[in-house]
């Protein structure tokens, strides 16, 4: 197996998120961006001019090109299923932005189609392969904090409705798609960041107890949202196959906080920001003096298991290498087993959907999807 083999990747969709993927392209000599397509001709030209890339005249031209190994699906979330399906039907491997699909049935169909055709469909987030996540995973498996029973995960993206979001633009000039973001919902957009980490560390989710609601009814005044009141807050308790229980909040209502606490018998592992691939993992030890046991006020910084810092996006909230996942798919196509394969993506997508659609009355949900045996290695 030669993991240095170059592969041709076509990008479908060159909106706001596409700039994140292009931010680290110079560090991936084995990924050849063969061309780009977008239904917005003006946006397509601007993006291709900015990055000096070739534009495809149509989506069909990508599907007909036998030299394309992977399609990077960066369309709006409600188009993910249809675009990915057409790519798979034409023999293309797919890397999709979150979510894999807007329903579990559609996501499952995509994974089954890929397996039937001997192809692969992987999905964001990429952060699972970052220095931060891998260092945390190593600390968990090495029992740095002892046996783990409880995790607190918060992915609160700030009070977006109070921000000047209509002025946000990407490096190449694409506006932040606020209407689509509010309609799809922050849970499907963001919950996967921690869900992927937790599943990789603690196995499949056996049970979900969740609540979701739209707490800020009027986010925009210049156009109608459809659906009008997509949940902007979800609160969940997750029970994993290894017995670990996690509390996960995902909102765009609470002040910005993207922290994680892994609580064990010997102390607590802490992460300050899951959107920083090169962030640090800290350990606070439980101390017993005489008859009192308490958590040390001193945080010990754990050594990164990955050594050198990795390239990431610059500016904005995220410090991630979005191409990590695409390169992981390239290696999978070449024969390397993946830590986040199609079944892994399906499971994470299913749980995110359960959180998103749990509603005001709450829900008790048991995921159907299984994990491949190598997912947690």
Protein backbone atom coordinates (compact mmCIF):
# COMPACT_ATOMS: atom_id res chain seq x y z
CA UNK A 1 0.00 0.00 0.00
CA UNK A 2 1.42 3.35 -1.09
CA UNK A 3 -0.18 6.14 0.94
CA UNK A 4 1.73 8.77 -1.00
CA UNK A 5 -0.28 8.18 -4.17
CA UNK A 6 -1.91 11.34 -5.54
CA UNK A 7 -5.67 11.47 -5.95
CA UNK A 8 -7.85 13.88 -7.88
CA UNK A 9 -10.55 15.63 -5.85
CA UNK A 10 -13.42 17.66 -7.26
CA UNK A 11 -15.19 20.21 -5.06
CA UNK A 12 -18.94 20.66 -5.36
CA UNK A 13 -20.02 23.86 -3.63
CA UNK A 14 -17.70 26.82 -3.06
CA UNK A 15 -19.53 28.81 -0.42
CA UNK A 16 -18.34 29.96 3.00
CA UNK A 17 -16.94 26.63 4.25
CA UNK A 18 -14.94 25.91 1.09
CA UNK A 19 -12.30 28.45 2.13
CA UNK A 20 -11.64 26.43 5.28
CA UNK A 21 -10.73 23.42 3.15
CA UNK A 22 -8.45 25.46 0.93
CA UNK A 23 -6.62 27.00 3.89
CA UNK A 24 -4.17 24.09 4.26
CA UNK A 25 -4.06 22.69 0.72
CA UNK A 26 -0.35 23.52 0.31
CA UNK A 27 0.44 20.89 2.94
CA UNK A 28 -1.22 18.11 0.94
CA UNK A 29 0.83 17.35 -2.18
CA UNK A 30 -1.12 14.10 -2.65
CA UNK A 31 -4.47 15.87 -3.00
CA UNK A 32 -4.97 17.35 -6.45
CA UNK A 33 -7.95 19.72 -6.68
CA UNK A 34 -8.98 18.87 -10.22
CA UNK A 35 -11.74 21.44 -10.39
CA UNK A 36 -14.77 23.04 -8.76
CA UNK A 37 -18.47 23.39 -9.49
CA UNK A 38 -21.17 25.56 -7.94
CA UNK A 39 -24.69 26.35 -9.12
CA UNK A 40 -23.93 30.05 -8.57
CA UNK A 41 -21.81 30.99 -11.61
CA UNK A 42 -20.61 34.27 -10.10
CA UNK A 43 -19.51 32.63 -6.87
CA UNK A 44 -17.83 29.82 -8.82
CA UNK A 45 -15.79 32.28 -10.88
CA UNK A 46 -14.79 34.31 -7.82
CA UNK A 47 -13.65 31.23 -5.92
CA UNK A 48 -11.72 29.73 -8.85
CA UNK A 49 -10.05 33.05 -9.64
CA UNK A 50 -9.05 33.51 -6.02
CA UNK A 51 -7.45 30.07 -5.70
CA UNK A 52 -6.46 29.68 -9.37
CA UNK A 53 -8.54 26.55 -9.82
CA UNK A 54 -10.36 25.16 -12.84
CA UNK A 55 -14.14 25.40 -12.96
CA UNK A 56 -16.37 22.62 -14.24
CA UNK A 57 -19.19 23.75 -16.49
CA UNK A 58 -21.65 21.41 -14.76
CA UNK A 59 -22.04 18.84 -11.98
CA UNK A 60 -22.55 16.23 -14.69
CA UNK A 61 -19.08 17.00 -16.03
CA UNK A 62 -17.61 15.92 -12.69
CA UNK A 63 -19.65 12.73 -12.66
CA UNK A 64 -18.52 11.91 -16.20
CA UNK A 65 -14.82 12.43 -15.45
CA UNK A 66 -13.29 9.02 -14.78
CA UNK A 67 -10.13 10.61 -13.38
CA UNK A 68 -11.94 11.99 -10.31
CA UNK A 69 -11.35 9.73 -7.31
CA UNK A 70 -13.12 11.74 -4.60
CA UNK A 71 -15.87 14.34 -4.59
CA UNK A 72 -15.79 16.83 -1.73
CA UNK A 73 -19.45 17.66 -1.09
CA UNK A 74 -19.65 21.20 0.30
CA UNK A 75 -23.17 21.99 -0.85
CA UNK A 76 -25.85 23.19 1.57
CA UNK A 77 -26.86 20.44 4.06
CA UNK A 78 -30.24 19.82 2.47
CA UNK A 79 -28.47 18.98 -0.80
CA UNK A 80 -25.93 16.60 0.75
CA UNK A 81 -27.99 13.44 0.22
CA UNK A 82 -28.82 14.00 -3.44
CA UNK A 83 -25.34 15.17 -4.44
CA UNK A 84 -23.60 12.34 -2.59
CA UNK A 85 -26.00 9.76 -4.01
CA UNK A 86 -25.34 10.82 -7.59
CA UNK A 87 -21.59 10.71 -6.97
CA UNK A 88 -21.74 7.21 -5.51
CA UNK A 89 -23.93 5.99 -8.35
CA UNK A 90 -21.26 7.19 -10.79
CA UNK A 91 -18.47 5.40 -8.91
CA UNK A 92 -17.05 8.36 -6.96
CA UNK A 93 -15.93 8.19 -3.33
CA UNK A 94 -17.42 11.01 -1.27
CA UNK A 95 -16.31 13.20 1.61
CA UNK A 96 -19.31 15.14 2.87
CA UNK A 97 -19.59 18.12 5.14
CA UNK A 98 -21.89 17.67 8.15
CA UNK A 99 -24.51 16.29 8.20
CA UNK A 100 -24.23 13.20 6.03
CA UNK A 101 -27.96 13.59 5.36
CA UNK A 102 -30.98 15.28 6.92
CA UNK A 103 -32.64 11.98 7.84
CA UNK A 104 -31.33 8.69 9.13
CA UNK A 105 -33.02 6.78 6.31
CA UNK A 106 -31.22 8.86 3.68
CA UNK A 107 -27.87 8.60 5.48
CA UNK A 108 -28.25 4.83 5.79
CA UNK A 109 -29.10 4.58 2.09
CA UNK A 110 -25.90 6.41 1.19
CA UNK A 111 -23.73 4.13 3.33
CA UNK A 112 -25.40 1.00 1.97
CA UNK A 113 -24.97 2.27 -1.59
CA UNK A 114 -21.29 2.95 -1.00
CA UNK A 115 -20.73 -0.50 0.48
CA UNK A 116 -22.63 -2.16 -2.36
CA UNK A 117 -20.43 -0.45 -4.93
CA UNK A 118 -17.18 -0.99 -3.04
CA UNK A 119 -16.84 2.75 -2.41
CA UNK A 120 -16.43 4.93 0.67
CA UNK A 121 -18.39 7.87 2.03
CA UNK A 122 -16.86 9.71 4.97
CA UNK A 123 -18.08 12.80 6.73
CA UNK A 124 -16.82 15.80 8.68
CA UNK A 125 -15.75 16.70 11.32
CA UNK A 126 -12.02 16.58 10.68
CA UNK A 127 -11.09 17.51 14.26
CA UNK A 128 -11.08 13.87 15.38
CA UNK A 129 -7.69 13.54 13.66
CA UNK A 130 -6.22 16.70 15.20
CA UNK A 131 -3.50 16.84 17.83
CA UNK A 132 -5.97 17.82 20.55
CA UNK A 133 -8.41 14.95 20.01
CA UNK A 134 -5.67 12.37 19.59
CA UNK A 135 -3.90 13.52 22.77
CA UNK A 136 -7.17 13.34 24.70
CA UNK A 137 -7.94 9.89 23.28
CA UNK A 138 -4.47 8.68 24.31
CA UNK A 139 -4.94 10.04 27.84
CA UNK A 140 -8.32 8.30 28.12
CA UNK A 141 -7.05 4.94 26.88
CA UNK A 142 -3.98 5.30 29.11
CA UNK A 143 -6.25 5.87 32.12
CA UNK A 144 -4.50 9.10 33.08
CA UNK A 145 -7.57 10.07 35.10
CA UNK A 146 -8.46 6.48 36.01
CA UNK A 147 -11.75 4.79 35.20
CA UNK A 148 -14.15 7.24 33.55
CA UNK A 149 -17.83 7.50 34.39
CA UNK A 150 -18.90 10.99 33.35
CA UNK A 151 -18.21 13.59 30.63
CA UNK A 152 -19.41 17.18 30.32
CA UNK A 153 -19.24 18.58 26.78
CA UNK A 154 -20.37 22.07 25.80
CA UNK A 155 -20.49 23.40 22.27
CA UNK A 156 -22.09 26.79 22.63
CA UNK A 157 -21.33 29.08 19.72
CA UNK A 158 -22.24 32.38 21.31
CA UNK A 159 -25.31 34.57 20.92
CA UNK A 160 -25.30 34.51 17.11
CA UNK A 161 -28.51 36.55 16.84
CA UNK A 162 -26.68 39.39 18.61
CA UNK A 163 -23.73 39.31 16.21
CA UNK A 164 -23.27 41.16 12.88
CA UNK A 165 -23.56 37.84 11.01
CA UNK A 166 -24.83 39.46 7.82
CA UNK A 167 -21.41 41.07 7.44
CA UNK A 168 -19.40 37.86 7.82
CA UNK A 169 -17.56 36.81 4.65
CA UNK A 170 -15.00 34.12 3.90
CA UNK A 171 -11.47 34.74 2.67
CA UNK A 172 -12.58 34.54 -0.96
CA UNK A 173 -15.61 36.74 -0.30
CA UNK A 174 -18.48 34.27 0.20
CA UNK A 175 -21.09 35.47 2.72
CA UNK A 176 -21.94 33.38 5.78
CA UNK A 177 -25.17 31.57 4.76
CA UNK A 178 -27.13 32.66 7.82
CA UNK A 179 -30.56 31.74 6.45
CA UNK A 180 -29.49 28.17 5.73
CA UNK A 181 -27.60 27.93 9.05
CA UNK A 182 -30.68 28.95 11.04
CA UNK A 183 -32.96 26.66 9.04
CA UNK A 184 -30.73 23.59 9.34
CA UNK A 185 -29.89 24.22 12.99
CA UNK A 186 -26.76 24.38 15.11
CA UNK A 187 -27.09 20.81 16.40
CA UNK A 188 -26.68 19.21 12.97
CA UNK A 189 -23.94 21.72 12.19
CA UNK A 190 -21.97 21.40 15.45
CA UNK A 191 -22.87 18.42 17.65
CA UNK A 192 -20.74 16.12 15.49
CA UNK A 193 -17.54 17.72 16.77
CA UNK A 194 -17.89 16.21 20.21
CA UNK A 195 -20.02 13.23 19.17
CA UNK A 196 -17.19 11.98 16.94
CA UNK A 197 -14.66 12.33 19.77
CA UNK A 198 -16.90 10.60 22.30
CA UNK A 199 -17.81 7.70 20.02
CA UNK A 200 -14.14 7.20 19.13
CA UNK A 201 -13.24 7.08 22.83
CA UNK A 202 -16.21 5.31 24.43
CA UNK A 203 -17.89 3.23 21.72
CA UNK A 204 -21.35 3.47 20.22
CA UNK A 205 -24.16 5.46 21.81
CA UNK A 206 -26.64 3.03 23.34
CA UNK A 207 -29.20 5.53 24.59
CA UNK A 208 -30.07 9.19 24.04
CA UNK A 209 -32.20 11.32 26.36
CA UNK A 210 -32.60 14.73 24.76
CA UNK A 211 -34.49 18.03 24.58
CA UNK A 212 -34.39 20.67 21.85
CA UNK A 213 -36.20 23.91 21.18
CA UNK A 214 -36.05 27.24 19.36
CA UNK A 215 -35.47 29.74 22.15
CA UNK A 216 -34.88 32.81 19.96
CA UNK A 217 -37.89 32.96 17.67
CA UNK A 218 -36.98 36.02 15.63
CA UNK A 219 -33.40 35.76 14.34
CA UNK A 220 -33.87 37.48 10.99
CA UNK A 221 -36.30 40.15 9.85
CA UNK A 222 -35.46 40.49 6.16
CA UNK A 223 -36.70 37.07 4.98
CA UNK A 224 -38.80 34.08 5.97
CA UNK A 225 -37.12 31.00 7.45
CA UNK A 226 -38.31 27.56 6.35
CA UNK A 227 -38.83 25.85 8.70
CA UNK A 228 -39.48 28.91 10.79
CA UNK A 229 -38.43 27.70 14.22
CA UNK A 230 -35.60 25.18 13.89
CA UNK A 231 -34.09 24.32 17.28
CA UNK A 232 -31.24 26.61 18.30
CA UNK A 233 -30.63 24.69 21.54
CA UNK A 234 -30.29 21.00 22.32
CA UNK A 235 -29.46 19.42 25.67
CA UNK A 236 -28.71 15.71 25.86
CA UNK A 237 -27.58 12.85 28.04
CA UNK A 238 -25.77 10.10 26.14
CA UNK A 239 -25.08 6.60 27.43
CA UNK A 240 -22.20 4.80 25.70
CA UNK A 241 -21.57 1.09 25.26
CA UNK A 242 -18.67 1.21 27.72
CA UNK A 243 -20.92 2.62 30.44
CA UNK A 244 -19.73 6.22 30.23
CA UNK A 245 -22.42 8.89 30.54
CA UNK A 246 -22.01 12.26 28.78
CA UNK A 247 -23.90 15.52 28.98
CA UNK A 248 -23.79 17.47 25.72
CA UNK A 249 -25.15 20.97 25.10
CA UNK A 250 -25.26 22.54 21.65
CA UNK A 251 -26.56 26.08 21.28
CA UNK A 252 -26.25 29.40 19.49
CA UNK A 253 -27.96 31.10 22.41
CA UNK A 254 -25.51 30.70 25.30
CA UNK A 255 -22.20 32.60 25.48
CA UNK A 256 -19.39 30.98 23.52
CA UNK A 257 -17.95 27.91 25.24
CA UNK A 258 -16.50 24.82 23.59
CA UNK A 259 -15.06 23.00 26.57
CA UNK A 260 -14.88 19.36 27.64
CA UNK A 261 -14.39 17.68 31.02
CA UNK A 262 -13.66 13.95 31.31
CA UNK A 263 -14.23 12.96 34.91
CA UNK A 264 -12.41 9.92 36.28
CA UNK A 265 -11.54 8.26 39.56
CA UNK A 266 -8.14 9.98 39.74
CA UNK A 267 -9.11 13.43 38.52
CA UNK A 268 -10.35 15.38 35.52
CA UNK A 269 -9.09 15.81 31.94
CA UNK A 270 -9.94 19.22 30.50
CA UNK A 271 -10.12 20.71 27.02
CA UNK A 272 -10.79 24.42 26.58
CA UNK A 273 -11.73 24.56 22.90
CA UNK A 274 -12.46 21.63 20.61
CA UNK A 275 -12.13 23.90 17.55
CA UNK A 276 -8.39 24.25 18.07
CA UNK A 277 -6.57 21.24 16.59
CA UNK A 278 -3.37 22.28 18.35
CA UNK A 279 -5.00 23.00 21.70
CA UNK A 280 -3.87 21.42 24.96
CA UNK A 281 -5.26 18.70 27.19
CA UNK A 282 -4.94 19.41 30.90
CA UNK A 283 -5.14 17.10 33.90
CA UNK A 284 -6.26 18.10 37.40
CA UNK A 285 -5.52 15.43 39.96
CA UNK A 286 -7.71 14.48 42.92
CA UNK A 287 -5.78 15.18 46.11
CA UNK A 288 -6.48 13.75 49.55
CA UNK A 289 -5.09 15.57 52.59
CA UNK A 290 -6.10 14.16 55.96
CA UNK A 291 -9.84 13.69 55.74
CA UNK A 292 -10.50 15.95 52.75
CA UNK A 293 -10.41 15.07 49.04
CA UNK A 294 -10.48 17.86 46.47
CA UNK A 295 -9.52 18.67 42.89
CA UNK A 296 -6.12 20.28 42.49
CA UNK A 297 -6.28 23.95 41.44
CA UNK A 298 -3.17 23.34 39.32
CA UNK A 299 -3.66 22.07 35.79
CA UNK A 300 -0.94 19.88 34.33
CA UNK A 301 -0.53 20.23 30.58
CA UNK A 302 -0.21 16.83 28.89
CA UNK A 303 2.36 16.30 26.15
CA UNK A 304 0.88 16.15 22.65
CA UNK A 305 1.05 12.65 21.17
CA UNK A 306 1.45 14.09 17.67
CA UNK A 307 4.62 16.09 18.20
CA UNK A 308 4.75 19.06 15.86
CA UNK A 309 1.87 21.47 15.50
CA UNK A 310 -0.28 20.92 12.45
CA UNK A 311 -1.28 23.59 9.94
CA UNK A 312 -4.72 25.06 10.54
CA UNK A 313 -7.07 27.78 9.40
CA UNK A 314 -6.14 31.26 10.59
CA UNK A 315 -8.46 33.93 11.83
CA UNK A 316 -12.03 33.44 12.99
CA UNK A 317 -13.19 30.98 15.62
CA UNK A 318 -11.75 27.78 14.19
CA UNK A 319 -8.15 26.61 14.21
CA UNK A 320 -8.60 23.36 12.32
CA UNK A 321 -7.18 21.51 9.33
CA UNK A 322 -10.32 20.68 7.37
CA UNK A 323 -8.42 18.56 4.85
CA UNK A 324 -7.44 15.99 7.50
CA UNK A 325 -10.66 14.09 6.84
CA UNK A 326 -10.32 14.27 3.06
CA UNK A 327 -6.77 12.94 3.25
CA UNK A 328 -8.03 10.21 5.57
CA UNK A 329 -10.52 9.18 2.90
CA UNK A 330 -7.74 9.19 0.30
CA UNK A 331 -5.79 6.75 2.45
CA UNK A 332 -8.88 4.60 2.95
CA UNK A 333 -9.40 4.38 -0.80
CA UNK A 334 -5.79 3.20 -1.03
CA UNK A 335 -6.50 0.41 1.45
CA UNK A 336 -5.81 1.82 4.92
CA UNK A 337 -8.44 1.10 7.57
CA UNK A 338 -10.11 4.26 8.78
CA UNK A 339 -10.84 5.38 12.33
CA UNK A 340 -13.91 7.17 11.03
CA UNK A 341 -15.37 5.07 8.22
CA UNK A 342 -18.82 5.10 6.63
CA UNK A 343 -20.48 3.26 9.52
CA UNK A 344 -18.88 5.65 11.99
CA UNK A 345 -20.22 8.64 10.02
CA UNK A 346 -23.69 7.05 9.92
CA UNK A 347 -23.75 6.50 13.69
CA UNK A 348 -22.64 10.06 14.49
CA UNK A 349 -25.21 11.42 12.03
CA UNK A 350 -28.00 9.33 13.56
CA UNK A 351 -27.26 10.55 17.09
CA UNK A 352 -27.05 14.19 15.94
CA UNK A 353 -30.44 13.82 14.28
CA UNK A 354 -31.89 12.41 17.49
CA UNK A 355 -30.66 15.49 19.37
CA UNK A 356 -31.86 17.92 16.71
CA UNK A 357 -35.40 16.55 16.49
CA UNK A 358 -35.99 15.59 20.13
CA UNK A 359 -38.30 18.56 20.60
CA UNK A 360 -39.75 20.32 23.64
CA UNK A 361 -41.30 17.16 25.05
CA UNK A 362 -37.94 15.41 24.96
CA UNK A 363 -37.16 11.98 23.65
CA UNK A 364 -35.69 8.66 24.74
CA UNK A 365 -33.95 7.21 21.69
CA UNK A 366 -31.88 4.09 21.07
CA UNK A 367 -29.71 4.35 17.93
CA UNK A 368 -30.08 1.65 15.33
CA UNK A 369 -26.75 1.98 13.53
CA UNK A 370 -23.77 -0.16 14.55
CA UNK A 371 -20.05 0.55 14.40
CA UNK A 372 -17.50 -1.39 12.40
CA UNK A 373 -15.17 -3.38 14.64
CA UNK A 374 -12.17 -1.15 13.87
CA UNK A 375 -13.86 2.20 14.55
CA UNK A 376 -12.67 2.49 18.11
CA UNK A 377 -9.09 1.35 17.58
